[in-house]
Amino acid sequence: MQGILYEESSVWLFLFVTLVLGGGAAWMTGRALAVTWAPVWQGIVYFLLLGAAVRFIHFALFHGTLLSLHYYLVDSVFLIVIGLAGFRYTRARQMTTQYSWLYTRTGPFTWRDRNAA
């Protein structure tokens, strides 16, 4: 997987920087978008900017390549997926809490009409 998903010598650096640090920031960004009822497309812009910040952390701390389109896209895709999951998780909680007479929660990311069979 080295060379495809990450360029560092250890997968742990990729997991820590991209998934833990960047993923945590992406989750919180998605959550903030949902809490403020912002449109989901706006989050994509934020996640792409966050991907550039994660790429800079790889460069500054671990001597990664700063201007690598391949690794930027890999980091950004992971961040978009995590951020959209945070958005959807928060939106499902919002819809079932604020509109409890209309919707019931069917899973961590989904809800349905309360009157639906």
C-alpha atoms as a PDB file:
ATOM      1  CA  MET A   1       0.000   0.000   0.000  1.00  0.00           C
ATOM      2  CA  GLN A   2       2.989   2.295   0.385  1.00  0.00           C
ATOM      3  CA  GLY A   3       3.164   4.475  -2.674  1.00  0.00           C
ATOM      4  CA  ILE A   4      -0.552   4.193  -3.322  1.00  0.00           C
ATOM      5  CA  LEU A   5      -2.149   5.567  -0.152  1.00  0.00           C
ATOM      6  CA  TYR A   6       0.853   7.058   1.623  1.00  0.00           C
ATOM      7  CA  GLU A   7       4.444   7.965   0.927  1.00  0.00           C
ATOM      8  CA  GLU A   8       5.902   7.786   4.434  1.00  0.00           C
ATOM      9  CA  SER A   9       7.944   4.838   5.595  1.00  0.00           C
ATOM     10  CA  SER A  10       5.246   3.746   8.039  1.00  0.00           C
ATOM     11  CA  VAL A  11       1.500   3.356   7.685  1.00  0.00           C
ATOM     12  CA  TRP A  12       1.154   4.691  11.245  1.00  0.00           C
ATOM     13  CA  LEU A  13       2.163   8.176  10.129  1.00  0.00           C
ATOM     14  CA  PHE A  14      -0.546   8.154   7.485  1.00  0.00           C
ATOM     15  CA  LEU A  15      -3.118   6.830   9.936  1.00  0.00           C
ATOM     16  CA  PHE A  16      -2.199   9.391  12.585  1.00  0.00           C
ATOM     17  CA  VAL A  17      -1.978  12.504  10.415  1.00  0.00           C
ATOM     18  CA  THR A  18      -4.659  11.825   7.819  1.00  0.00           C
ATOM     19  CA  LEU A  19      -7.205   9.759   9.685  1.00  0.00           C
ATOM     20  CA  VAL A  20      -6.798  10.846  13.315  1.00  0.00           C
ATOM     21  CA  LEU A  21      -5.826  14.512  13.036  1.00  0.00           C
ATOM     22  CA  GLY A  22      -7.355  15.339   9.662  1.00  0.00           C
ATOM     23  CA  GLY A  23     -10.293  12.984  10.108  1.00  0.00           C
ATOM     24  CA  GLY A  24     -11.124  14.476  13.480  1.00  0.00           C
ATOM     25  CA  ALA A  25     -11.061  17.959  11.988  1.00  0.00           C
ATOM     26  CA  ALA A  26     -13.184  16.785   9.040  1.00  0.00           C
ATOM     27  CA  TRP A  27     -15.736  15.163  11.376  1.00  0.00           C
ATOM     28  CA  MET A  28     -16.006  18.367  13.398  1.00  0.00           C
ATOM     29  CA  THR A  29     -16.297  20.428  10.206  1.00  0.00           C
ATOM     30  CA  GLY A  30     -19.124  18.211   8.965  1.00  0.00           C
ATOM     31  CA  ARG A  31     -20.771  18.474  12.354  1.00  0.00           C
ATOM     32  CA  ALA A  32     -20.493  22.267  12.311  1.00  0.00           C
ATOM     33  CA  LEU A  33     -22.057  22.401   8.862  1.00  0.00           C
ATOM     34  CA  ALA A  34     -24.988  20.291  10.004  1.00  0.00           C
ATOM     35  CA  VAL A  35     -25.504  22.280  13.204  1.00  0.00           C
ATOM     36  CA  THR A  36     -25.658  25.558  11.263  1.00  0.00           C
ATOM     37  CA  TRP A  37     -27.914  23.990   8.588  1.00  0.00           C
ATOM     38  CA  ALA A  38     -25.370  24.809   5.893  1.00  0.00           C
ATOM     39  CA  PRO A  39     -25.612  22.995   2.542  1.00  0.00           C
ATOM     40  CA  VAL A  40     -23.478  19.905   2.101  1.00  0.00           C
ATOM     41  CA  TRP A  41     -21.722  21.273  -1.022  1.00  0.00           C
ATOM     42  CA  GLN A  42     -20.178  23.968   1.135  1.00  0.00           C
ATOM     43  CA  GLY A  43     -18.469  21.237   3.139  1.00  0.00           C
ATOM     44  CA  ILE A  44     -16.697  19.875   0.070  1.00  0.00           C
ATOM     45  CA  VAL A  45     -14.867  23.186  -0.276  1.00  0.00           C
ATOM     46  CA  TYR A  46     -13.855  23.064   3.384  1.00  0.00           C
ATOM     47  CA  PHE A  47     -12.733  19.446   3.133  1.00  0.00           C
ATOM     48  CA  LEU A  48     -10.546  20.234   0.117  1.00  0.00           C
ATOM     49  CA  LEU A  49      -8.911  23.074   2.057  1.00  0.00           C
ATOM     50  CA  LEU A  50      -8.436  20.714   4.976  1.00  0.00           C
ATOM     51  CA  GLY A  51      -6.789  18.259   2.578  1.00  0.00           C
ATOM     52  CA  ALA A  52      -4.219  20.939   1.722  1.00  0.00           C
ATOM     53  CA  ALA A  53      -3.568  21.491   5.436  1.00  0.00           C
ATOM     54  CA  VAL A  54      -3.082  17.749   6.003  1.00  0.00           C
ATOM     55  CA  ARG A  55      -0.730  17.620   3.017  1.00  0.00           C
ATOM     56  CA  PHE A  56       1.252  20.484   4.594  1.00  0.00           C
ATOM     57  CA  ILE A  57       1.512  18.588   7.897  1.00  0.00           C
ATOM     58  CA  HIS A  58       2.890  15.572   6.014  1.00  0.00           C
ATOM     59  CA  PHE A  59       5.401  17.889   4.340  1.00  0.00           C
ATOM     60  CA  ALA A  60       6.445  19.920   7.368  1.00  0.00           C
ATOM     61  CA  LEU A  61       6.710  17.162   9.956  1.00  0.00           C
ATOM     62  CA  PHE A  62       7.530  14.016   8.005  1.00  0.00           C
ATOM     63  CA  HIS A  63       9.303  15.326   4.863  1.00  0.00           C
ATOM     64  CA  GLY A  64       6.500  14.311   2.533  1.00  0.00           C
ATOM     65  CA  THR A  65       5.867  15.827  -0.860  1.00  0.00           C
ATOM     66  CA  LEU A  66       3.952  19.086  -0.575  1.00  0.00           C
ATOM     67  CA  LEU A  67       2.772  19.526  -4.158  1.00  0.00           C
ATOM     68  CA  SER A  68       1.696  16.001  -5.002  1.00  0.00           C
ATOM     69  CA  LEU A  69      -1.699  15.806  -6.689  1.00  0.00           C
ATOM     70  CA  HIS A  70      -1.911  12.054  -6.083  1.00  0.00           C
ATOM     71  CA  TYR A  71      -1.411  12.207  -2.310  1.00  0.00           C
ATOM     72  CA  TYR A  72      -3.509  15.365  -2.018  1.00  0.00           C
ATOM     73  CA  LEU A  73      -6.420  13.549  -3.669  1.00  0.00           C
ATOM     74  CA  VAL A  74      -5.938  10.492  -1.444  1.00  0.00           C
ATOM     75  CA  ASP A  75      -5.939  12.640   1.704  1.00  0.00           C
ATOM     76  CA  SER A  76      -8.884  14.707   0.475  1.00  0.00           C
ATOM     77  CA  VAL A  77     -11.006  11.665  -0.380  1.00  0.00           C
ATOM     78  CA  PHE A  78     -10.518  10.255   3.122  1.00  0.00           C
ATOM     79  CA  LEU A  79     -11.383  13.635   4.646  1.00  0.00           C
ATOM     80  CA  ILE A  80     -14.478  14.068   2.469  1.00  0.00           C
ATOM     81  CA  VAL A  81     -15.779  10.634   3.458  1.00  0.00           C
ATOM     82  CA  ILE A  82     -15.190  11.236   7.170  1.00  0.00           C
ATOM     83  CA  GLY A  83     -16.584  14.780   6.990  1.00  0.00           C
ATOM     84  CA  LEU A  84     -19.732  13.706   5.175  1.00  0.00           C
ATOM     85  CA  ALA A  85     -20.224  10.944   7.735  1.00  0.00           C
ATOM     86  CA  GLY A  86     -20.006  13.548  10.505  1.00  0.00           C
ATOM     87  CA  PHE A  87     -22.482  15.727   8.638  1.00  0.00           C
ATOM     88  CA  ARG A  88     -24.967  12.911   8.123  1.00  0.00           C
ATOM     89  CA  TYR A  89     -24.634  11.603  11.705  1.00  0.00           C
ATOM     90  CA  THR A  90     -25.342  15.057  13.111  1.00  0.00           C
ATOM     91  CA  ARG A  91     -28.169  15.728  10.657  1.00  0.00           C
ATOM     92  CA  ALA A  92     -29.870  12.439  11.605  1.00  0.00           C
ATOM     93  CA  ARG A  93     -29.631  13.392  15.273  1.00  0.00           C
ATOM     94  CA  GLN A  94     -30.960  16.875  14.538  1.00  0.00           C
ATOM     95  CA  MET A  95     -33.924  15.694  12.521  1.00  0.00           C
ATOM     96  CA  THR A  96     -35.008  13.136  15.124  1.00  0.00           C
ATOM     97  CA  THR A  97     -34.451  15.456  18.094  1.00  0.00           C
ATOM     98  CA  GLN A  98     -35.886  18.701  16.777  1.00  0.00           C
ATOM     99  CA  TYR A  99     -38.708  17.079  14.823  1.00  0.00           C
ATOM    100  CA  SER A 100     -39.417  14.071  17.027  1.00  0.00           C
ATOM    101  CA  TRP A 101     -43.132  14.107  16.153  1.00  0.00           C
ATOM    102  CA  LEU A 102     -42.266  13.700  12.439  1.00  0.00           C
ATOM    103  CA  TYR A 103     -39.198  11.469  12.316  1.00  0.00           C
ATOM    104  CA  THR A 104     -37.746   8.478  14.077  1.00  0.00           C
ATOM    105  CA  ARG A 105     -34.136   7.375  13.902  1.00  0.00           C
ATOM    106  CA  THR A 106     -33.465   4.124  12.055  1.00  0.00           C
ATOM    107  CA  GLY A 107     -29.682   4.047  12.365  1.00  0.00           C
ATOM    108  CA  PRO A 108     -26.723   6.257  13.119  1.00  0.00           C
ATOM    109  CA  PHE A 109     -26.986   7.998   9.723  1.00  0.00           C
ATOM    110  CA  THR A 110     -30.639   7.587   8.767  1.00  0.00           C
ATOM    111  CA  TRP A 111     -34.154   8.538   9.804  1.00  0.00           C
ATOM    112  CA  ARG A 112     -37.640   7.900   8.474  1.00  0.00           C
ATOM    113  CA  ASP A 113     -41.136   9.314   8.763  1.00  0.00           C
ATOM    114  CA  ARG A 114     -42.751   8.337  12.042  1.00  0.00           C
ATOM    115  CA  ASN A 115     -45.992   7.404  10.263  1.00  0.00           C
ATOM    116  CA  ALA A 116     -44.283   5.271   7.607  1.00  0.00           C
ATOM    117  CA  ALA A 117     -44.923   1.532   7.868  1.00  0.00           C
END
